[in-house]
Amino acid sequence: MSTVTEIKAAIATLSFKERIELERWLRAGPAIAEQPSDLNPEEDTPELEAELLKAVNGPHAPLRKGDLRKLGDTVLRRRKAAQAA
């Protein structure tokens, strides 16, 4: 298994808050990783709104049909597993 595959798999398991922290770290560089995240995705704040707007207005790569299908299948599998548990 390649490192990129392992990283993608690890990212897929992150919570929403952890993904925000990862995106923030990737945009700002390693120095920000040492700072605690003050964003709470459960609380509607101006800071959260600003981060969400940055994400929406940021660079995007269009998903290919196959990628979207894989993502949808993964979500459905996880939802079925959660319901069975």
Protein backbone atom coordinates (compact mmCIF):
# COMPACT_ATOMS: atom_id res chain seq x y z
CA MET A 1 0.00 0.00 0.00
CA SER A 2 1.34 3.46 -0.87
CA THR A 3 1.72 6.34 1.55
CA VAL A 4 -0.81 8.38 -0.44
CA THR A 5 -3.37 5.58 -0.16
CA GLU A 6 -2.74 5.35 3.57
CA ILE A 7 -3.13 9.11 3.97
CA LYS A 8 -6.38 9.12 2.00
CA ALA A 9 -7.73 6.30 4.17
CA ALA A 10 -6.74 8.15 7.34
CA ILE A 11 -8.37 11.38 6.14
CA ALA A 12 -11.59 9.52 5.43
CA THR A 13 -11.83 8.59 9.12
CA LEU A 14 -11.43 12.16 10.42
CA SER A 15 -14.27 14.02 12.07
CA PHE A 16 -15.52 17.30 10.63
CA LYS A 17 -13.54 19.27 13.22
CA GLU A 18 -10.39 17.28 12.50
CA ARG A 19 -10.77 17.91 8.76
CA ILE A 20 -11.04 21.65 9.44
CA GLU A 21 -7.85 21.46 11.51
CA LEU A 22 -6.09 19.51 8.75
CA GLU A 23 -7.16 21.97 6.07
CA ARG A 24 -6.06 24.89 8.22
CA TRP A 25 -2.70 23.22 8.81
CA LEU A 26 -2.19 22.48 5.12
CA ARG A 27 -3.02 26.05 4.12
CA ALA A 28 -0.87 27.72 6.79
CA GLY A 29 1.97 25.26 7.05
CA PRO A 30 3.24 23.22 9.99
CA ALA A 31 3.46 26.15 12.47
CA ILE A 32 -0.31 26.24 12.88
CA ALA A 33 -0.44 22.57 13.90
CA GLU A 34 0.85 23.52 17.34
CA GLN A 35 -2.02 25.97 17.93
CA PRO A 36 -5.24 24.60 19.46
CA SER A 37 -8.25 24.74 17.20
CA ASP A 38 -10.83 27.19 18.49
CA LEU A 39 -13.45 26.18 15.94
CA ASN A 40 -16.37 24.16 17.16
CA PRO A 41 -18.45 22.85 14.23
CA GLU A 42 -21.38 22.45 16.63
CA GLU A 43 -21.40 26.19 17.43
CA ASP A 44 -22.36 28.83 14.87
CA THR A 45 -19.69 31.52 15.11
CA PRO A 46 -18.27 34.17 12.77
CA GLU A 47 -14.98 32.25 12.74
CA LEU A 48 -16.69 29.05 11.61
CA GLU A 49 -18.61 30.97 8.95
CA ALA A 50 -15.36 32.51 7.69
CA GLU A 51 -13.68 29.09 7.47
CA LEU A 52 -16.67 27.60 5.65
CA LEU A 53 -16.71 30.50 3.18
CA LYS A 54 -12.98 30.00 2.57
CA ALA A 55 -13.64 26.35 1.83
CA VAL A 56 -16.53 27.11 -0.53
CA ASN A 57 -14.65 29.85 -2.36
CA GLY A 58 -11.33 27.99 -2.39
CA PRO A 59 -9.83 26.01 -5.21
CA HIS A 60 -11.86 23.00 -6.25
CA ALA A 61 -11.24 20.07 -8.48
CA PRO A 62 -14.32 18.61 -10.14
CA LEU A 63 -15.17 15.08 -9.11
CA ARG A 64 -15.27 12.48 -11.80
CA LYS A 65 -18.38 10.35 -11.96
CA GLY A 66 -16.47 7.28 -10.73
CA ASP A 67 -15.04 9.21 -7.77
CA LEU A 68 -18.48 10.44 -6.79
CA ARG A 69 -19.88 6.90 -7.07
CA LYS A 70 -17.10 5.55 -4.80
CA LEU A 71 -17.76 8.29 -2.26
CA GLY A 72 -21.50 7.59 -2.30
CA ASP A 73 -20.92 3.85 -1.91
CA THR A 74 -18.60 4.48 1.05
CA VAL A 75 -21.18 6.68 2.76
CA LEU A 76 -23.93 4.10 2.22
CA ARG A 77 -21.71 1.28 3.54
CA ARG A 78 -20.87 3.26 6.67
CA ARG A 79 -24.49 4.22 7.25
CA LYS A 80 -25.61 0.56 6.95
CA ALA A 81 -22.82 -0.54 9.31
CA ALA A 82 -23.81 2.13 11.86
CA GLN A 83 -27.46 1.06 11.68
CA ALA A 84 -26.54 -2.60 12.14
CA ALA A 85 -24.41 -1.83 15.21
